[in-house]
Amino acid sequence: MSMASQLEQIEALRQDPTFRLEASRIAFLLELSKRDGPAPIMSVGRAAGISDRSIPSRIVDTLAKLGLVERLPATNGDLRIIRVQLTDSGREACEKWSKISRNR
């Protein structure tokens, strides 16, 4: 699927009153949902097409406040690398967005 097509789908989801998140936050969540478990914040941000290095951390702040993700400490001892994972609520939201996306 092309990036333009993905962005169109994300924008369509954003218009749904159930999902009032900005497109970049939805893209981050959907990218995180493709991972098997926790992933470094910056890695997920890059894969979601977010180029500004300060944005992924702010996105995670918002998503964590909403209970959709949780931050985890790094396992390799490098305290600069923070990992993030979906919560059960985050997984449910991603499943709903994916279902809506498939039905459009």
PDB file of N, CA and C in Angstrom:
ATOM      1  N   MET A   1       0.850  -1.171   0.000  1.00  0.00           N
ATOM      2  CA  MET A   1       0.000   0.000   0.000  1.00  0.00           C
ATOM      3  C   MET A   1       0.899   1.238   0.000  1.00  0.00           C
ATOM      4  N   SER A   2       0.554   2.208  -0.807  1.00  0.00           N
ATOM      5  CA  SER A   2       1.374   3.412  -0.910  1.00  0.00           C
ATOM      6  C   SER A   2       1.214   4.288   0.326  1.00  0.00           C
ATOM      7  N   MET A   3       2.197   5.156   0.543  1.00  0.00           N
ATOM      8  CA  MET A   3       2.149   6.078   1.682  1.00  0.00           C
ATOM      9  C   MET A   3       0.930   6.988   1.562  1.00  0.00           C
ATOM     10  N   ALA A   4       0.634   7.456   0.349  1.00  0.00           N
ATOM     11  CA  ALA A   4      -0.530   8.337   0.141  1.00  0.00           C
ATOM     12  C   ALA A   4      -1.816   7.610   0.521  1.00  0.00           C
ATOM     13  N   SER A   5      -1.916   6.347   0.150  1.00  0.00           N
ATOM     14  CA  SER A   5      -3.090   5.558   0.480  1.00  0.00           C
ATOM     15  C   SER A   5      -3.213   5.361   1.985  1.00  0.00           C
ATOM     16  N   GLN A   6      -2.081   5.094   2.641  1.00  0.00           N
ATOM     17  CA  GLN A   6      -2.090   4.945   4.101  1.00  0.00           C
ATOM     18  C   GLN A   6      -2.526   6.241   4.768  1.00  0.00           C
ATOM     19  N   LEU A   7      -2.011   7.364   4.274  1.00  0.00           N
ATOM     20  CA  LEU A   7      -2.377   8.655   4.865  1.00  0.00           C
ATOM     21  C   LEU A   7      -3.858   8.954   4.657  1.00  0.00           C
ATOM     22  N   GLU A   8      -4.402   8.579   3.504  1.00  0.00           N
ATOM     23  CA  GLU A   8      -5.833   8.760   3.254  1.00  0.00           C
ATOM     24  C   GLU A   8      -6.654   7.940   4.242  1.00  0.00           C
ATOM     25  N   GLN A   9      -6.232   6.703   4.494  1.00  0.00           N
ATOM     26  CA  GLN A   9      -6.941   5.859   5.446  1.00  0.00           C
ATOM     27  C   GLN A   9      -6.863   6.435   6.851  1.00  0.00           C
ATOM     28  N   ILE A  10      -5.686   6.905   7.223  1.00  0.00           N
ATOM     29  CA  ILE A  10      -5.514   7.492   8.557  1.00  0.00           C
ATOM     30  C   ILE A  10      -6.394   8.724   8.699  1.00  0.00           C
ATOM     31  N   GLU A  11      -6.441   9.552   7.672  1.00  0.00           N
ATOM     32  CA  GLU A  11      -7.269  10.757   7.722  1.00  0.00           C
ATOM     33  C   GLU A  11      -8.750  10.380   7.821  1.00  0.00           C
ATOM     34  N   ALA A  12      -9.165   9.338   7.119  1.00  0.00           N
ATOM     35  CA  ALA A  12     -10.546   8.878   7.206  1.00  0.00           C
ATOM     36  C   ALA A  12     -10.874   8.417   8.626  1.00  0.00           C
ATOM     37  N   LEU A  13      -9.962   7.695   9.246  1.00  0.00           N
ATOM     38  CA  LEU A  13     -10.166   7.256  10.628  1.00  0.00           C
ATOM     39  C   LEU A  13     -10.251   8.435  11.572  1.00  0.00           C
ATOM     40  N   ARG A  14      -9.423   9.430  11.322  1.00  0.00           N
ATOM     41  CA  ARG A  14      -9.385  10.614  12.177  1.00  0.00           C
ATOM     42  C   ARG A  14     -10.718  11.352  12.172  1.00  0.00           C
ATOM     43  N   GLN A  15     -11.457  11.258  11.071  1.00  0.00           N
ATOM     44  CA  GLN A  15     -12.747  11.933  10.967  1.00  0.00           C
ATOM     45  C   GLN A  15     -13.836  11.235  11.778  1.00  0.00           C
ATOM     46  N   ASP A  16     -13.613   9.973  12.104  1.00  0.00           N
ATOM     47  CA  ASP A  16     -14.572   9.226  12.907  1.00  0.00           C
ATOM     48  C   ASP A  16     -14.579   9.810  14.314  1.00  0.00           C
ATOM     49  N   PRO A  17     -15.751  10.181  14.843  1.00  0.00           N
ATOM     50  CA  PRO A  17     -15.790  10.801  16.185  1.00  0.00           C
ATOM     51  C   PRO A  17     -15.255   9.903  17.288  1.00  0.00           C
ATOM     52  N   THR A  18     -15.205   8.594  17.058  1.00  0.00           N
ATOM     53  CA  THR A  18     -14.671   7.668  18.055  1.00  0.00           C
ATOM     54  C   THR A  18     -13.165   7.801  18.187  1.00  0.00           C
ATOM     55  N   PHE A  19     -12.520   8.257  17.141  1.00  0.00           N
ATOM     56  CA  PHE A  19     -11.065   8.295  17.102  1.00  0.00           C
ATOM     57  C   PHE A  19     -10.580   9.712  16.841  1.00  0.00           C
ATOM     58  N   ARG A  20     -10.491  10.508  17.858  1.00  0.00           N
ATOM     59  CA  ARG A  20     -10.098  11.913  17.720  1.00  0.00           C
ATOM     60  C   ARG A  20      -8.603  12.129  17.934  1.00  0.00           C
ATOM     61  N   LEU A  21      -7.798  11.264  17.372  1.00  0.00           N
ATOM     62  CA  LEU A  21      -6.347  11.419  17.469  1.00  0.00           C
ATOM     63  C   LEU A  21      -5.812  11.997  16.166  1.00  0.00           C
ATOM     64  N   GLU A  22      -4.706  12.731  16.275  1.00  0.00           N
ATOM     65  CA  GLU A  22      -4.056  13.244  15.075  1.00  0.00           C
ATOM     66  C   GLU A  22      -3.511  12.083  14.259  1.00  0.00           C
ATOM     67  N   ALA A  23      -3.363  12.298  12.968  1.00  0.00           N
ATOM     68  CA  ALA A  23      -2.903  11.250  12.053  1.00  0.00           C
ATOM     69  C   ALA A  23      -1.555  10.675  12.479  1.00  0.00           C
ATOM     70  N   SER A  24      -0.650  11.521  12.965  1.00  0.00           N
ATOM     71  CA  SER A  24       0.671  11.022  13.362  1.00  0.00           C
ATOM     72  C   SER A  24       0.574  10.074  14.554  1.00  0.00           C
ATOM     73  N   ARG A  25      -0.358  10.320  15.447  1.00  0.00           N
ATOM     74  CA  ARG A  25      -0.533   9.437  16.606  1.00  0.00           C
ATOM     75  C   ARG A  25      -1.135   8.094  16.177  1.00  0.00           C
ATOM     76  N   ILE A  26      -2.093   8.161  15.254  1.00  0.00           N
ATOM     77  CA  ILE A  26      -2.680   6.925  14.738  1.00  0.00           C
ATOM     78  C   ILE A  26      -1.619   6.124  13.995  1.00  0.00           C
ATOM     79  N   ALA A  27      -0.829   6.802  13.169  1.00  0.00           N
ATOM     80  CA  ALA A  27       0.233   6.121  12.422  1.00  0.00           C
ATOM     81  C   ALA A  27       1.212   5.453  13.383  1.00  0.00           C
ATOM     82  N   PHE A  28       1.565   6.142  14.469  1.00  0.00           N
ATOM     83  CA  PHE A  28       2.481   5.580  15.459  1.00  0.00           C
ATOM     84  C   PHE A  28       1.870   4.325  16.079  1.00  0.00           C
ATOM     85  N   LEU A  29       0.613   4.399  16.494  1.00  0.00           N
ATOM     86  CA  LEU A  29      -0.048   3.243  17.102  1.00  0.00           C
ATOM     87  C   LEU A  29      -0.125   2.064  16.143  1.00  0.00           C
ATOM     88  N   LEU A  30      -0.515   2.331  14.907  1.00  0.00           N
ATOM     89  CA  LEU A  30      -0.638   1.250  13.937  1.00  0.00           C
ATOM     90  C   LEU A  30       0.721   0.616  13.646  1.00  0.00           C
ATOM     91  N   GLU A  31       1.763   1.441  13.583  1.00  0.00           N
ATOM     92  CA  GLU A  31       3.107   0.889  13.377  1.00  0.00           C
ATOM     93  C   GLU A  31       3.514   0.040  14.576  1.00  0.00           C
ATOM     94  N   LEU A  32       3.241   0.517  15.772  1.00  0.00           N
ATOM     95  CA  LEU A  32       3.576  -0.246  16.976  1.00  0.00           C
ATOM     96  C   LEU A  32       2.815  -1.565  17.012  1.00  0.00           C
ATOM     97  N   SER A  33       1.587  -1.570  16.501  1.00  0.00           N
ATOM     98  CA  SER A  33       0.788  -2.802  16.517  1.00  0.00           C
ATOM     99  C   SER A  33       1.367  -3.880  15.605  1.00  0.00           C
ATOM    100  N   LYS A  34       2.223  -3.498  14.659  1.00  0.00           N
ATOM    101  CA  LYS A  34       2.869  -4.473  13.763  1.00  0.00           C
ATOM    102  C   LYS A  34       4.028  -5.191  14.449  1.00  0.00           C
ATOM    103  N   ARG A  35       4.472  -4.657  15.582  1.00  0.00           N
ATOM    104  CA  ARG A  35       5.643  -5.207  16.280  1.00  0.00           C
ATOM    105  C   ARG A  35       5.230  -6.337  17.210  1.00  0.00           C
ATOM    106  N   ASP A  36       6.149  -7.254  17.419  1.00  0.00           N
ATOM    107  CA  ASP A  36       5.929  -8.329  18.391  1.00  0.00           C
ATOM    108  C   ASP A  36       6.509  -7.892  19.728  1.00  0.00           C
ATOM    109  N   GLY A  37       5.728  -7.176  20.500  1.00  0.00           N
ATOM    110  CA  GLY A  37       6.179  -6.736  21.808  1.00  0.00           C
ATOM    111  C   GLY A  37       6.765  -5.341  21.793  1.00  0.00           C
ATOM    112  N   PRO A  38       7.458  -4.977  22.877  1.00  0.00           N
ATOM    113  CA  PRO A  38       8.004  -3.626  23.028  1.00  0.00           C
ATOM    114  C   PRO A  38       9.013  -3.277  21.937  1.00  0.00           C
ATOM    115  N   ALA A  39       9.051  -1.982  21.600  1.00  0.00           N
ATOM    116  CA  ALA A  39       9.981  -1.507  20.568  1.00  0.00           C
ATOM    117  C   ALA A  39      10.504  -0.131  20.976  1.00  0.00           C
ATOM    118  N   PRO A  40      11.704   0.221  20.547  1.00  0.00           N
ATOM    119  CA  PRO A  40      12.235   1.558  20.834  1.00  0.00           C
ATOM    120  C   PRO A  40      11.353   2.643  20.212  1.00  0.00           C
ATOM    121  N   ILE A  41      11.072   3.678  20.978  1.00  0.00           N
ATOM    122  CA  ILE A  41      10.204   4.770  20.528  1.00  0.00           C
ATOM    123  C   ILE A  41      10.679   5.345  19.204  1.00  0.00           C
ATOM    124  N   MET A  42      11.974   5.624  19.091  1.00  0.00           N
ATOM    125  CA  MET A  42      12.487   6.263  17.882  1.00  0.00           C
ATOM    126  C   MET A  42      12.352   5.350  16.664  1.00  0.00           C
ATOM    127  N   SER A  43      12.519   4.059  16.850  1.00  0.00           N
ATOM    128  CA  SER A  43      12.385   3.097  15.757  1.00  0.00           C
ATOM    129  C   SER A  43      10.947   3.082  15.229  1.00  0.00           C
ATOM    130  N   VAL A  44       9.998   3.084  16.123  1.00  0.00           N
ATOM    131  CA  VAL A  44       8.587   3.094  15.725  1.00  0.00           C
ATOM    132  C   VAL A  44       8.266   4.411  15.014  1.00  0.00           C
ATOM    133  N   GLY A  45       8.767   5.510  15.561  1.00  0.00           N
ATOM    134  CA  GLY A  45       8.525   6.816  14.948  1.00  0.00           C
ATOM    135  C   GLY A  45       9.054   6.893  13.528  1.00  0.00           C
ATOM    136  N   ARG A  46      10.286   6.422  13.322  1.00  0.00           N
ATOM    137  CA  ARG A  46      10.869   6.437  11.965  1.00  0.00           C
ATOM    138  C   ARG A  46      10.039   5.595  11.011  1.00  0.00           C
ATOM    139  N   ALA A  47       9.650   4.402  11.457  1.00  0.00           N
ATOM    140  CA  ALA A  47       8.870   3.502  10.598  1.00  0.00           C
ATOM    141  C   ALA A  47       7.488   4.081  10.290  1.00  0.00           C
ATOM    142  N   ALA A  48       6.970   4.923  11.182  1.00  0.00           N
ATOM    143  CA  ALA A  48       5.662   5.559  10.974  1.00  0.00           C
ATOM    144  C   ALA A  48       5.770   6.821  10.127  1.00  0.00           C
ATOM    145  N   GLY A  49       6.994   7.146   9.701  1.00  0.00           N
ATOM    146  CA  GLY A  49       7.189   8.309   8.835  1.00  0.00           C
ATOM    147  C   GLY A  49       7.344   9.619   9.570  1.00  0.00           C
ATOM    148  N   ILE A  50       7.694   9.549  10.849  1.00  0.00           N
ATOM    149  CA  ILE A  50       7.866  10.759  11.659  1.00  0.00           C
ATOM    150  C   ILE A  50       9.351  11.082  11.682  1.00  0.00           C
ATOM    151  N   SER A  51       9.730  12.172  11.024  1.00  0.00           N
ATOM    152  CA  SER A  51      11.154  12.466  10.852  1.00  0.00           C
ATOM    153  C   SER A  51      11.747  13.332  11.968  1.00  0.00           C
ATOM    154  N   ASP A  52      10.952  14.165  12.585  1.00  0.00           N
ATOM    155  CA  ASP A  52      11.452  15.022  13.666  1.00  0.00           C
ATOM    156  C   ASP A  52      11.678  14.176  14.912  1.00  0.00           C
ATOM    157  N   ARG A  53      12.905  14.154  15.415  1.00  0.00           N
ATOM    158  CA  ARG A  53      13.271  13.265  16.527  1.00  0.00           C
ATOM    159  C   ARG A  53      12.550  13.584  17.840  1.00  0.00           C
ATOM    160  N   SER A  54      12.008  14.770  17.997  1.00  0.00           N
ATOM    161  CA  SER A  54      11.328  15.117  19.253  1.00  0.00           C
ATOM    162  C   SER A  54       9.861  14.689  19.264  1.00  0.00           C
ATOM    163  N   ILE A  55       9.297  14.448  18.108  1.00  0.00           N
ATOM    164  CA  ILE A  55       7.865  14.161  18.013  1.00  0.00           C
ATOM    165  C   ILE A  55       7.475  12.796  18.601  1.00  0.00           C
ATOM    166  N   PRO A  56       8.188  11.705  18.292  1.00  0.00           N
ATOM    167  CA  PRO A  56       7.746  10.405  18.834  1.00  0.00           C
ATOM    168  C   PRO A  56       7.593  10.388  20.355  1.00  0.00           C
ATOM    169  N   SER A  57       8.492  11.025  21.056  1.00  0.00           N
ATOM    170  CA  SER A  57       8.401  11.049  22.514  1.00  0.00           C
ATOM    171  C   SER A  57       7.152  11.796  22.972  1.00  0.00           C
ATOM    172  N   ARG A  58       6.836  12.895  22.290  1.00  0.00           N
ATOM    173  CA  ARG A  58       5.619  13.648  22.647  1.00  0.00           C
ATOM    174  C   ARG A  58       4.366  12.853  22.300  1.00  0.00           C
ATOM    175  N   ILE A  59       4.420  12.120  21.187  1.00  0.00           N
ATOM    176  CA  ILE A  59       3.289  11.266  20.819  1.00  0.00           C
ATOM    177  C   ILE A  59       3.065  10.219  21.906  1.00  0.00           C
ATOM    178  N   VAL A  60       4.151   9.597  22.357  1.00  0.00           N
ATOM    179  CA  VAL A  60       4.035   8.572  23.401  1.00  0.00           C
ATOM    180  C   VAL A  60       3.495   9.181  24.696  1.00  0.00           C
ATOM    181  N   ASP A  61       3.899  10.409  25.024  1.00  0.00           N
ATOM    182  CA  ASP A  61       3.354  11.079  26.214  1.00  0.00           C
ATOM    183  C   ASP A  61       1.831  11.132  26.145  1.00  0.00           C
ATOM    184  N   THR A  62       1.313  11.576  25.006  1.00  0.00           N
ATOM    185  CA  THR A  62      -0.137  11.693  24.825  1.00  0.00           C
ATOM    186  C   THR A  62      -0.816  10.330  24.861  1.00  0.00           C
ATOM    187  N   LEU A  63      -0.253   9.374  24.131  1.00  0.00           N
ATOM    188  CA  LEU A  63      -0.866   8.046  24.078  1.00  0.00           C
ATOM    189  C   LEU A  63      -0.830   7.348  25.435  1.00  0.00           C
ATOM    190  N   ALA A  64       0.225   7.582  26.209  1.00  0.00           N
ATOM    191  CA  ALA A  64       0.315   6.994  27.552  1.00  0.00           C
ATOM    192  C   ALA A  64      -0.750   7.600  28.471  1.00  0.00           C
ATOM    193  N   LYS A  65      -0.965   8.908  28.362  1.00  0.00           N
ATOM    194  CA  LYS A  65      -2.008   9.562  29.171  1.00  0.00           C
ATOM    195  C   LYS A  65      -3.387   9.013  28.844  1.00  0.00           C
ATOM    196  N   LEU A  66      -3.575   8.601  27.592  1.00  0.00           N
ATOM    197  CA  LEU A  66      -4.851   8.017  27.166  1.00  0.00           C
ATOM    198  C   LEU A  66      -4.948   6.533  27.487  1.00  0.00           C
ATOM    199  N   GLY A  67      -3.857   5.951  28.005  1.00  0.00           N
ATOM    200  CA  GLY A  67      -3.850   4.546  28.378  1.00  0.00           C
ATOM    201  C   GLY A  67      -3.698   3.599  27.199  1.00  0.00           C
ATOM    202  N   LEU A  68      -3.187   4.103  26.059  1.00  0.00           N
ATOM    203  CA  LEU A  68      -3.050   3.275  24.866  1.00  0.00           C
ATOM    204  C   LEU A  68      -1.683   2.613  24.750  1.00  0.00           C
ATOM    205  N   VAL A  69      -0.661   3.200  25.382  1.00  0.00           N
ATOM    206  CA  VAL A  69       0.692   2.633  25.371  1.00  0.00           C
ATOM    207  C   VAL A  69       1.295   2.777  26.761  1.00  0.00           C
ATOM    208  N   GLU A  70       2.382   2.049  26.973  1.00  0.00           N
ATOM    209  CA  GLU A  70       3.155   2.228  28.203  1.00  0.00           C
ATOM    210  C   GLU A  70       4.634   2.213  27.852  1.00  0.00           C
ATOM    211  N   ARG A  71       5.388   3.022  28.579  1.00  0.00           N
ATOM    212  CA  ARG A  71       6.837   3.084  28.398  1.00  0.00           C
ATOM    213  C   ARG A  71       7.491   1.998  29.240  1.00  0.00           C
ATOM    214  N   LEU A  72       8.570   1.451  28.694  1.00  0.00           N
ATOM    215  CA  LEU A  72       9.328   0.427  29.401  1.00  0.00           C
ATOM    216  C   LEU A  72      10.805   0.792  29.345  1.00  0.00           C
ATOM    217  N   PRO A  73      11.561   0.458  30.378  1.00  0.00           N
ATOM    218  CA  PRO A  73      13.000   0.737  30.331  1.00  0.00           C
ATOM    219  C   PRO A  73      13.700  -0.165  29.319  1.00  0.00           C
ATOM    220  N   ALA A  74      14.829   0.294  28.861  1.00  0.00           N
ATOM    221  CA  ALA A  74      15.630  -0.497  27.924  1.00  0.00           C
ATOM    222  C   ALA A  74      16.146  -1.748  28.616  1.00  0.00           C
ATOM    223  N   THR A  75      16.349  -2.790  27.844  1.00  0.00           N
ATOM    224  CA  THR A  75      16.859  -4.036  28.415  1.00  0.00           C
ATOM    225  C   THR A  75      18.355  -4.193  28.197  1.00  0.00           C
ATOM    226  N   ASN A  76      18.925  -3.352  27.331  1.00  0.00           N
ATOM    227  CA  ASN A  76      20.354  -3.510  27.020  1.00  0.00           C
ATOM    228  C   ASN A  76      21.256  -2.624  27.877  1.00  0.00           C
ATOM    229  N   GLY A  77      20.702  -1.944  28.856  1.00  0.00           N
ATOM    230  CA  GLY A  77      21.502  -1.114  29.738  1.00  0.00           C
ATOM    231  C   GLY A  77      21.675   0.321  29.267  1.00  0.00           C
ATOM    232  N   ASP A  78      21.311   0.629  28.032  1.00  0.00           N
ATOM    233  CA  ASP A  78      21.419   1.991  27.505  1.00  0.00           C
ATOM    234  C   ASP A  78      20.154   2.748  27.916  1.00  0.00           C
ATOM    235  N   LEU A  79      20.272   3.583  28.928  1.00  0.00           N
ATOM    236  CA  LEU A  79      19.108   4.276  29.484  1.00  0.00           C
ATOM    237  C   LEU A  79      18.518   5.314  28.543  1.00  0.00           C
ATOM    238  N   ARG A  80      19.226   5.631  27.467  1.00  0.00           N
ATOM    239  CA  ARG A  80      18.692   6.598  26.499  1.00  0.00           C
ATOM    240  C   ARG A  80      17.621   5.971  25.618  1.00  0.00           C
ATOM    241  N   ILE A  81      17.624   4.662  25.507  1.00  0.00           N
ATOM    242  CA  ILE A  81      16.672   3.976  24.639  1.00  0.00           C
ATOM    243  C   ILE A  81      15.468   3.551  25.469  1.00  0.00           C
ATOM    244  N   ILE A  82      14.350   4.196  25.210  1.00  0.00           N
ATOM    245  CA  ILE A  82      13.110   3.868  25.905  1.00  0.00           C
ATOM    246  C   ILE A  82      12.234   3.072  24.950  1.00  0.00           C
ATOM    247  N   ARG A  83      11.699   1.991  25.457  1.00  0.00           N
ATOM    248  CA  ARG A  83      10.811   1.167  24.638  1.00  0.00           C
ATOM    249  C   ARG A  83       9.361   1.486  24.977  1.00  0.00           C
ATOM    250  N   VAL A  84       8.493   1.147  24.063  1.00  0.00           N
ATOM    251  CA  VAL A  84       7.067   1.383  24.248  1.00  0.00           C
ATOM    252  C   VAL A  84       6.312   0.144  23.779  1.00  0.00           C
ATOM    253  N   GLN A  85       5.186  -0.115  24.414  1.00  0.00           N
ATOM    254  CA  GLN A  85       4.345  -1.225  23.979  1.00  0.00           C
ATOM    255  C   GLN A  85       2.882  -0.825  24.116  1.00  0.00           C
ATOM    256  N   LEU A  86       2.041  -1.479  23.337  1.00  0.00           N
ATOM    257  CA  LEU A  86       0.609  -1.236  23.410  1.00  0.00           C
ATOM    258  C   LEU A  86       0.040  -1.814  24.696  1.00  0.00           C
ATOM    259  N   THR A  87      -0.937  -1.146  25.247  1.00  0.00           N
ATOM    260  CA  THR A  87      -1.719  -1.707  26.343  1.00  0.00           C
ATOM    261  C   THR A  87      -2.873  -2.491  25.720  1.00  0.00           C
ATOM    262  N   ASP A  88      -3.661  -3.144  26.534  1.00  0.00           N
ATOM    263  CA  ASP A  88      -4.836  -3.844  26.006  1.00  0.00           C
ATOM    264  C   ASP A  88      -5.766  -2.861  25.297  1.00  0.00           C
ATOM    265  N   SER A  89      -5.938  -1.672  25.868  1.00  0.00           N
ATOM    266  CA  SER A  89      -6.783  -0.646  25.239  1.00  0.00           C
ATOM    267  C   SER A  89      -6.200  -0.200  23.909  1.00  0.00           C
ATOM    268  N   GLY A  90      -4.889  -0.091  23.841  1.00  0.00           N
ATOM    269  CA  GLY A  90      -4.228   0.289  22.592  1.00  0.00           C
ATOM    270  C   GLY A  90      -4.413  -0.759  21.519  1.00  0.00           C
ATOM    271  N   ARG A  91      -4.311  -2.029  21.904  1.00  0.00           N
ATOM    272  CA  ARG A  91      -4.524  -3.117  20.942  1.00  0.00           C
ATOM    273  C   ARG A  91      -5.970  -3.106  20.431  1.00  0.00           C
ATOM    274  N   GLU A  92      -6.920  -2.880  21.338  1.00  0.00           N
ATOM    275  CA  GLU A  92      -8.331  -2.824  20.936  1.00  0.00           C
ATOM    276  C   GLU A  92      -8.568  -1.673  19.959  1.00  0.00           C
ATOM    277  N   ALA A  93      -7.978  -0.517  20.239  1.00  0.00           N
ATOM    278  CA  ALA A  93      -8.133   0.636  19.340  1.00  0.00           C
ATOM    279  C   ALA A  93      -7.555   0.323  17.964  1.00  0.00           C
ATOM    280  N   CYS A  94      -6.383  -0.294  17.924  1.00  0.00           N
ATOM    281  CA  CYS A  94      -5.754  -0.644  16.642  1.00  0.00           C
ATOM    282  C   CYS A  94      -6.605  -1.646  15.869  1.00  0.00           C
ATOM    283  N   GLU A  95      -7.187  -2.595  16.574  1.00  0.00           N
ATOM    284  CA  GLU A  95      -8.057  -3.571  15.915  1.00  0.00           C
ATOM    285  C   GLU A  95      -9.271  -2.875  15.309  1.00  0.00           C
ATOM    286  N   LYS A  96      -9.849  -1.912  16.036  1.00  0.00           N
ATOM    287  CA  LYS A  96     -11.001  -1.163  15.516  1.00  0.00           C
ATOM    288  C   LYS A  96     -10.602  -0.354  14.290  1.00  0.00           C
ATOM    289  N   TRP A  97      -9.457   0.334  14.362  1.00  0.00           N
ATOM    290  CA  TRP A  97      -9.001   1.138  13.221  1.00  0.00           C
ATOM    291  C   TRP A  97      -8.721   0.257  12.017  1.00  0.00           C
ATOM    292  N   SER A  98      -8.112  -0.896  12.251  1.00  0.00           N
ATOM    293  CA  SER A  98      -7.816  -1.808  11.149  1.00  0.00           C
ATOM    294  C   SER A  98      -9.100  -2.328  10.518  1.00  0.00           C
ATOM    295  N   LYS A  99     -10.090  -2.638  11.346  1.00  0.00           N
ATOM    296  CA  LYS A  99     -11.359  -3.127  10.849  1.00  0.00           C
ATOM    297  C   LYS A  99     -12.070  -2.051  10.027  1.00  0.00           C
ATOM    298  N   ILE A 100     -12.077  -0.838  10.520  1.00  0.00           N
ATOM    299  CA  ILE A 100     -12.703   0.267   9.786  1.00  0.00           C
ATOM    300  C   ILE A 100     -11.965   0.494   8.469  1.00  0.00           C
ATOM    301  N   SER A 101     -10.661   0.435   8.530  1.00  0.00           N
ATOM    302  CA  SER A 101      -9.833   0.642   7.336  1.00  0.00           C
ATOM    303  C   SER A 101     -10.133  -0.403   6.263  1.00  0.00           C
ATOM    304  N   ARG A 102     -10.315  -1.655   6.677  1.00  0.00           N
ATOM    305  CA  ARG A 102     -10.605  -2.732   5.718  1.00  0.00           C
ATOM    306  C   ARG A 102     -11.993  -2.586   5.115  1.00  0.00           C
ATOM    307  N   ASN A 103     -12.926  -1.994   5.878  1.00  0.00           N
ATOM    308  CA  ASN A 103     -14.304  -1.881   5.422  1.00  0.00           C
ATOM    309  C   ASN A 103     -14.564  -0.651   4.558  1.00  0.00           C
ATOM    310  N   ARG A 104     -13.620   0.204   4.393  1.00  0.00           N
ATOM    311  CA  ARG A 104     -13.828   1.432   3.597  1.00  0.00           C
ATOM    312  C   ARG A 104     -13.595   1.175   2.148  1.00  0.00           C
TER     313      ARG A 104
END
